[in-house]
Amino acid sequence: MAVLINDTCINCGACIDECPTEAIVDEDDNPTDEDIYFVHGEKCVECVGHHDEPACATACPTEGCITWDAIGESSEHREDITDEQRSNKEAIVE
């Protein structure tokens, strides 16, 4: 992973429209079968090279819904995010 959408997701679609790498899928395509949107970690680059912060989190109307997660298999991630922030699943935007 890179960012994580948690169970407070209201399935509004704002994050999908903002993702520059098409890493986010809706609840119908969520491989965990949860009724929330899902971020494919191997595709998510935390918007490095695209935006100053993850665009999905700034577009999301639900406070704390999108959090930092462990660095995934993608080629890019934000170097300024600590392991503690990731392990605590800190909200990207509050």
Protein backbone atom coordinates (compact mmCIF):
# COMPACT_ATOMS: atom_id res chain seq x y z
CA MET A 1 0.00 0.00 0.00
CA ALA A 2 0.84 3.64 0.14
CA VAL A 3 -2.40 5.23 1.21
CA LEU A 4 -5.37 3.39 2.64
CA ILE A 5 -9.09 4.10 2.40
CA ASN A 6 -10.74 3.06 5.66
CA ASP A 7 -14.27 2.00 6.51
CA THR A 8 -15.54 5.57 6.92
CA CYS A 9 -15.61 5.76 3.10
CA ILE A 10 -18.99 6.96 1.80
CA ASN A 11 -18.33 5.78 -1.78
CA CYS A 12 -18.73 9.26 -3.24
CA GLY A 13 -16.19 8.83 -6.05
CA ALA A 14 -14.22 12.03 -5.40
CA CYS A 15 -10.94 10.15 -4.91
CA ILE A 16 -11.27 8.08 -8.07
CA ASP A 17 -11.58 11.18 -10.22
CA GLU A 18 -8.43 12.71 -8.70
CA CYS A 19 -6.06 9.72 -8.84
CA PRO A 20 -3.42 10.32 -11.55
CA THR A 21 -2.43 6.63 -11.73
CA GLU A 22 -5.91 5.06 -11.57
CA ALA A 23 -4.89 3.18 -8.43
CA ILE A 24 -8.30 3.53 -6.76
CA VAL A 25 -11.24 1.26 -7.54
CA ASP A 26 -14.82 1.41 -6.32
CA GLU A 27 -16.54 -1.05 -4.01
CA ASP A 28 -17.58 -3.27 -6.94
CA ASP A 29 -13.94 -3.89 -7.85
CA ASN A 30 -12.55 -4.02 -4.29
CA PRO A 31 -10.54 -7.28 -4.11
CA THR A 32 -11.26 -7.59 -0.36
CA ASP A 33 -15.04 -7.59 -1.04
CA GLU A 34 -15.50 -4.74 1.43
CA ASP A 35 -18.14 -2.16 0.56
CA ILE A 36 -15.59 0.67 0.33
CA TYR A 37 -13.17 1.98 -2.26
CA PHE A 38 -9.73 0.37 -2.47
CA VAL A 39 -6.22 1.61 -3.31
CA HIS A 40 -3.97 -0.76 -5.27
CA GLY A 41 -0.61 -0.32 -3.55
CA GLU A 42 1.39 -1.38 -6.55
CA LYS A 43 -0.08 1.50 -8.57
CA CYS A 44 -0.25 4.24 -5.92
CA VAL A 45 2.66 6.68 -6.03
CA GLU A 46 1.27 8.97 -3.31
CA CYS A 47 0.97 11.56 -6.10
CA VAL A 48 4.76 12.03 -6.20
CA GLY A 49 5.46 13.97 -9.38
CA HIS A 50 1.77 14.86 -9.75
CA HIS A 51 0.62 16.84 -6.69
CA ASP A 52 2.03 18.30 -3.45
CA GLU A 53 0.07 15.72 -1.42
CA PRO A 54 -2.15 12.76 -2.28
CA ALA A 55 -4.99 14.23 -4.34
CA CYS A 56 -7.41 11.55 -3.21
CA ALA A 57 -7.16 12.75 0.39
CA THR A 58 -7.63 16.41 -0.45
CA ALA A 59 -10.70 15.60 -2.58
CA CYS A 60 -12.27 13.30 0.02
CA PRO A 61 -15.14 14.93 1.94
CA THR A 62 -14.87 12.45 4.83
CA GLU A 63 -12.40 13.58 7.48
CA GLY A 64 -9.69 11.01 8.19
CA CYS A 65 -10.97 8.52 5.62
CA ILE A 66 -7.68 8.28 3.71
CA THR A 67 -4.61 7.52 5.78
CA TRP A 68 -0.94 6.73 5.31
CA ASP A 69 -0.12 3.05 5.05
CA ALA A 70 3.01 0.95 4.64
CA ILE A 71 5.06 1.60 1.53
CA GLY A 72 3.86 -0.67 -1.20
CA GLU A 73 5.34 -2.12 -4.32
CA SER A 74 5.00 1.08 -6.34
CA SER A 75 8.08 2.83 -7.62
CA GLU A 76 7.39 6.13 -5.80
CA HIS A 77 6.48 7.23 -2.29
CA ARG A 78 6.85 10.32 -0.13
CA GLU A 79 10.19 10.34 1.69
CA ASP A 80 8.99 12.87 4.29
CA ILE A 81 6.40 10.50 5.85
CA THR A 82 7.80 8.62 8.83
CA ASP A 83 7.36 4.93 9.57
CA GLU A 84 5.46 5.99 12.70
CA GLN A 85 2.97 8.01 10.65
CA ARG A 86 2.47 5.02 8.40
CA SER A 87 2.14 2.44 11.19
CA ASN A 88 -0.29 4.67 13.09
CA LYS A 89 -2.34 5.11 9.90
CA GLU A 90 -2.35 8.89 10.37
CA ALA A 91 -4.88 10.83 8.32
CA ILE A 92 -3.33 12.59 5.37
CA VAL A 93 -5.73 15.53 5.62
CA GLU A 94 -7.65 16.41 8.74
